[in-house]
Amino acid sequence: MPGEGELYYDIRFSVYYARQKQRIKLIINVEAQKEFNPGYSIITRGIFYGARMISAQKGIEFAGRDYDNIRKVYSIWICMNAPDYIGNAISFYNFQKRDAIPGIPDAKEAYDKISVVMICLNAKSEKGNRLTKMLGILLSPRLETQAKIHQLEHEFDIPMENDMGEELNQMCNLSDYVEELGIEKGIEKGIEKHLSQQVKKKLAKGRSVEEIADELEEDEATIRRILKNIE
C-alpha cells in the first residue's frame, strides 16, 4: 500500500484448502530466524507481517468495502537456535472473541483472519513432536545433505524421487544459507562498530562531517547515518 514502506518476505505463497465443497484461499508467509532474541519480540514482528499481508490484499482480493473477502494470513516463524529452557516448541497466536456483556453472536469467520505461528527448534531437547523432529533434521547445520535426505525418507516416509528429491535437496541447504547469512551480518556489524568508534574519535577532535568522510574514505551519507545512531 502507498506510504507503508518496503517489506521483504523470506517465503510468501498462497494455498487453497477445500472444506465442505468450498475452496478457501490462505496466504502464508514463512520466515527463518537464526536467533530467538534478536533484540525485539519475534511475535510482534509476526503480527506486523501478518497485518501487512492483510492490507496488501486491498485491490487484489477485495475492493472498496467488500471486507468479507479478506483472506486469512499465516505468518510462520521458525527459530533454529531456541534456548534450552524452551527446547522444541510450537505456539499459535490468534484473534479471539471475549464477551464483556454476552449477546453478540460469535462469527469466527469474520475475525479469524490472522495467525502467527512460532516454531522453536533445539537440537539438544528431547521434547517436541514429529514436525519439530522433521524440521530439526531438515535445518540441521551438522548433518550432511545426503544424511538428511536418508532420514527424511526412512523416518518420515517422504518420497525422494523425481522433482521432490531435488526440491528437498535445495531446502536442506537452507541451514547453510542461514549460517552464512549470520556470519555476513556479524562481519557487517563488526565493520559498522569499528567505523562508529572512528567517527566518535574524530568528532571529539572537532572534525566536520566532510572531513571525517574524507579521512575515513566514506561517503557523507554514511557518516551522517552513523552520527544519527550515535546521537
Protein backbone atom coordinates (compact mmCIF):
# COMPACT_ATOMS: atom_id res chain seq x y z
CA MET A 1 0.00 0.00 0.00
CA PRO A 2 1.23 3.58 -0.68
CA GLY A 3 3.17 5.08 2.21
CA GLU A 4 3.68 1.77 4.05
CA GLY A 5 7.31 1.35 3.04
CA GLU A 6 9.01 -1.77 1.67
CA LEU A 7 8.85 -5.19 3.31
CA TYR A 8 10.71 -8.30 2.12
CA TYR A 9 9.47 -11.80 2.98
CA ASP A 10 11.65 -14.90 3.09
CA ILE A 11 8.87 -17.04 1.61
CA ARG A 12 5.34 -15.94 0.75
CA PHE A 13 2.78 -18.06 -1.10
CA SER A 14 -0.93 -18.84 -1.41
CA VAL A 15 -2.64 -22.19 -0.87
CA TYR A 16 -6.18 -23.39 -1.46
CA TYR A 17 -7.96 -25.53 1.12
CA ALA A 18 -11.10 -27.45 0.20
CA ARG A 19 -13.58 -27.58 3.08
CA GLN A 20 -17.23 -28.57 2.77
CA LYS A 21 -17.06 -28.22 -1.02
CA GLN A 22 -15.79 -24.66 -0.60
CA ARG A 23 -12.36 -23.62 -1.87
CA ILE A 24 -10.68 -21.35 0.68
CA LYS A 25 -7.61 -19.32 -0.18
CA LEU A 26 -4.94 -18.81 2.50
CA ILE A 27 -1.90 -16.53 2.29
CA ILE A 28 1.16 -17.90 4.10
CA ASN A 29 4.49 -16.30 4.98
CA VAL A 30 7.38 -18.40 6.35
CA GLU A 31 10.40 -16.74 7.95
CA ALA A 32 13.63 -18.40 9.12
CA GLN A 33 15.05 -16.87 12.28
CA LYS A 34 18.57 -17.66 13.47
CA GLU A 35 18.18 -16.08 16.93
CA PHE A 36 15.32 -16.35 19.41
CA ASN A 37 16.11 -12.94 20.91
CA PRO A 38 17.21 -10.68 18.01
CA GLY A 39 16.57 -7.53 20.07
CA TYR A 40 12.79 -7.44 19.65
CA SER A 41 9.82 -9.79 20.01
CA ILE A 42 9.54 -12.14 17.05
CA ILE A 43 5.82 -12.46 17.81
CA THR A 44 5.34 -8.69 17.46
CA ARG A 45 7.18 -8.76 14.15
CA GLY A 46 4.99 -11.67 13.05
CA ILE A 47 1.87 -9.64 13.83
CA PHE A 48 3.27 -6.76 11.76
CA TYR A 49 3.99 -9.07 8.82
CA GLY A 50 0.50 -10.54 9.06
CA ALA A 51 -1.08 -7.10 9.16
CA ARG A 52 0.88 -6.06 6.07
CA MET A 53 -0.29 -9.19 4.22
CA ILE A 54 -3.87 -8.23 5.05
CA SER A 55 -3.54 -4.59 3.98
CA ALA A 56 -1.82 -5.68 0.76
CA GLN A 57 -4.99 -7.55 -0.26
CA LYS A 58 -6.94 -4.34 -0.93
CA GLY A 59 -7.46 -4.03 -4.66
CA ILE A 60 -6.38 -7.66 -5.18
CA GLU A 61 -8.50 -9.94 -3.01
CA PHE A 62 -11.17 -7.36 -2.21
CA ALA A 63 -12.17 -3.91 -3.39
CA GLY A 64 -14.00 -0.99 -1.83
CA ARG A 65 -15.94 -2.06 1.25
CA ASP A 66 -16.03 -5.77 0.42
CA TYR A 67 -14.10 -6.67 3.58
CA ASP A 68 -15.68 -10.14 3.85
CA ASN A 69 -13.35 -11.29 1.07
CA ILE A 70 -10.19 -10.68 3.11
CA ARG A 71 -8.18 -13.91 3.03
CA LYS A 72 -6.75 -15.39 6.21
CA VAL A 73 -2.99 -14.96 6.56
CA TYR A 74 -0.43 -17.03 8.43
CA SER A 75 2.97 -15.68 9.47
CA ILE A 76 5.11 -18.69 10.45
CA TRP A 77 8.44 -18.15 12.19
CA ILE A 78 10.99 -20.95 12.51
CA CYS A 79 13.64 -20.25 15.16
CA MET A 80 16.50 -22.69 14.66
CA ASN A 81 18.50 -21.94 17.82
CA ALA A 82 15.91 -21.83 20.59
CA PRO A 83 17.27 -21.58 24.16
CA ASP A 84 17.44 -24.74 26.28
CA TYR A 85 14.64 -23.56 28.58
CA ILE A 86 12.29 -23.53 25.57
CA GLY A 87 13.56 -26.51 23.60
CA ASN A 88 11.36 -27.73 20.77
CA ALA A 89 8.05 -25.90 21.00
CA ILE A 90 5.19 -24.61 18.84
CA SER A 91 2.77 -21.80 19.73
CA PHE A 92 -0.15 -20.21 17.88
CA TYR A 93 -1.27 -16.58 18.31
CA ASN A 94 -4.77 -15.78 17.07
CA PHE A 95 -7.64 -13.32 17.42
CA GLN A 96 -10.30 -14.46 19.88
CA LYS A 97 -13.73 -13.15 20.90
CA ARG A 98 -14.26 -12.26 24.57
CA ASP A 99 -17.65 -11.18 25.84
CA ALA A 100 -17.73 -8.34 28.35
CA ILE A 101 -21.53 -8.49 28.15
CA PRO A 102 -22.81 -11.60 26.29
CA GLY A 103 -25.25 -11.23 23.45
CA ILE A 104 -23.31 -10.66 20.22
CA PRO A 105 -23.33 -13.85 18.10
CA ASP A 106 -19.92 -15.42 17.55
CA ALA A 107 -18.96 -15.33 13.85
CA LYS A 108 -15.40 -16.64 13.94
CA GLU A 109 -15.01 -16.46 10.17
CA ALA A 110 -15.39 -12.66 10.43
CA TYR A 111 -12.40 -12.06 12.70
CA ASP A 112 -10.24 -15.18 12.32
CA LYS A 113 -8.08 -13.51 9.67
CA ILE A 114 -4.54 -13.67 11.07
CA SER A 115 -2.45 -16.31 12.81
CA VAL A 116 1.15 -16.05 13.93
CA VAL A 117 2.92 -19.37 14.44
CA MET A 118 6.19 -19.68 16.35
CA ILE A 119 8.19 -22.90 15.86
CA CYS A 120 11.24 -23.25 18.10
CA LEU A 121 13.91 -25.85 17.38
CA ASN A 122 16.59 -27.04 19.77
CA ALA A 123 18.79 -29.98 18.74
CA LYS A 124 19.59 -30.86 22.37
CA SER A 125 15.98 -31.02 23.52
CA GLU A 126 14.17 -34.35 23.69
CA LYS A 127 10.67 -32.87 23.75
CA GLY A 128 8.69 -31.99 20.65
CA ASN A 129 6.64 -33.81 18.05
CA ARG A 130 7.00 -35.28 14.58
CA LEU A 131 7.02 -31.83 12.94
CA THR A 132 9.79 -30.37 15.13
CA LYS A 133 11.87 -33.53 14.66
CA MET A 134 11.46 -33.36 10.87
CA LEU A 135 12.34 -29.65 10.75
CA GLY A 136 15.27 -30.26 13.10
CA ILE A 137 16.71 -32.76 10.63
CA LEU A 138 15.94 -30.62 7.59
CA LEU A 139 17.54 -27.47 9.00
CA SER A 140 20.40 -29.02 10.97
CA PRO A 141 23.78 -27.41 10.22
CA ARG A 142 25.56 -30.56 11.47
CA LEU A 143 24.05 -33.12 9.07
CA GLU A 144 25.23 -33.58 5.51
CA THR A 145 22.61 -33.27 2.79
CA GLN A 146 22.60 -36.98 1.97
CA ALA A 147 22.17 -37.89 5.65
CA LYS A 148 19.21 -35.52 5.88
CA ILE A 149 17.62 -37.00 2.77
CA HIS A 150 18.11 -40.55 4.10
CA GLN A 151 16.46 -39.74 7.44
CA LEU A 152 13.59 -37.83 5.86
CA GLU A 153 12.92 -40.73 3.51
CA HIS A 154 13.15 -43.57 6.03
CA GLU A 155 11.84 -41.91 9.22
CA PHE A 156 9.15 -39.72 7.71
CA ASP A 157 8.27 -41.62 4.51
CA ILE A 158 8.95 -38.58 2.33
CA PRO A 159 9.47 -39.76 -1.27
CA MET A 160 12.73 -38.57 -2.74
CA GLU A 161 12.19 -39.47 -6.38
CA ASN A 162 11.78 -37.09 -9.30
CA ASP A 163 11.36 -33.38 -8.53
CA MET A 164 10.62 -33.89 -4.82
CA GLY A 165 14.15 -35.10 -4.18
CA GLU A 166 15.66 -32.07 -5.92
CA GLU A 167 13.39 -29.63 -4.05
CA LEU A 168 14.22 -31.18 -0.68
CA ASN A 169 17.89 -31.15 -1.61
CA GLN A 170 17.61 -27.38 -2.09
CA MET A 171 15.74 -26.98 1.20
CA CYS A 172 18.42 -28.94 3.01
CA ASN A 173 20.87 -26.20 2.06
CA LEU A 174 18.75 -23.57 3.83
CA SER A 175 20.58 -24.06 7.13
CA ASP A 176 23.91 -23.43 5.37
CA TYR A 177 22.48 -20.25 3.86
CA VAL A 178 21.19 -19.05 7.24
CA GLU A 179 24.56 -19.75 8.85
CA GLU A 180 26.39 -17.88 6.09
CA LEU A 181 23.91 -15.02 6.39
CA GLY A 182 24.56 -14.86 10.13
CA ILE A 183 28.31 -14.70 9.54
CA GLU A 184 27.87 -11.94 6.95
CA LYS A 185 25.69 -9.93 9.32
CA GLY A 186 28.24 -10.42 12.09
CA ILE A 187 31.01 -9.10 9.85
CA GLU A 188 28.85 -6.14 8.83
CA LYS A 189 28.10 -5.34 12.48
CA GLY A 190 31.82 -5.55 13.31
CA ILE A 191 32.73 -3.16 10.49
CA GLU A 192 29.92 -0.80 11.50
CA LYS A 193 31.05 -0.83 15.15
CA HIS A 194 34.67 -0.10 14.20
CA LEU A 195 33.58 2.72 11.89
CA SER A 196 31.40 4.22 14.64
CA GLN A 197 34.35 4.23 17.03
CA GLN A 198 36.48 6.01 14.43
CA VAL A 199 33.76 8.60 13.82
CA LYS A 200 33.43 9.24 17.57
CA LYS A 201 37.16 9.85 17.92
CA LYS A 202 37.29 12.26 15.01
CA LEU A 203 34.12 14.00 16.17
CA ALA A 204 35.75 14.55 19.57
CA LYS A 205 38.65 16.24 17.79
CA GLY A 206 36.26 18.70 16.21
CA ARG A 207 36.28 17.28 12.70
CA SER A 208 33.37 18.17 10.41
CA VAL A 209 31.25 15.60 8.58
CA GLU A 210 33.07 16.37 5.35
CA GLU A 211 36.49 15.96 6.99
CA ILE A 212 35.51 12.69 8.70
CA ALA A 213 34.16 11.29 5.44
CA ASP A 214 37.34 12.29 3.61
CA GLU A 215 39.70 10.85 6.26
CA LEU A 216 37.79 7.56 6.58
CA GLU A 217 37.19 7.33 2.81
CA GLU A 218 33.43 7.00 3.28
CA ASP A 219 30.58 8.93 1.71
CA GLU A 220 29.00 11.72 3.75
CA ALA A 221 25.60 9.98 3.84
CA THR A 222 27.15 7.01 5.69
CA ILE A 223 28.87 9.31 8.20
CA ARG A 224 25.64 11.24 8.82
CA ARG A 225 23.77 7.98 9.41
CA ILE A 226 26.39 6.85 11.92
CA LEU A 227 26.25 10.22 13.67
CA LYS A 228 22.48 9.91 13.92
CA ASN A 229 22.84 6.47 15.52
CA ILE A 230 25.42 7.80 17.96
CA GLU A 231 23.09 10.63 18.97
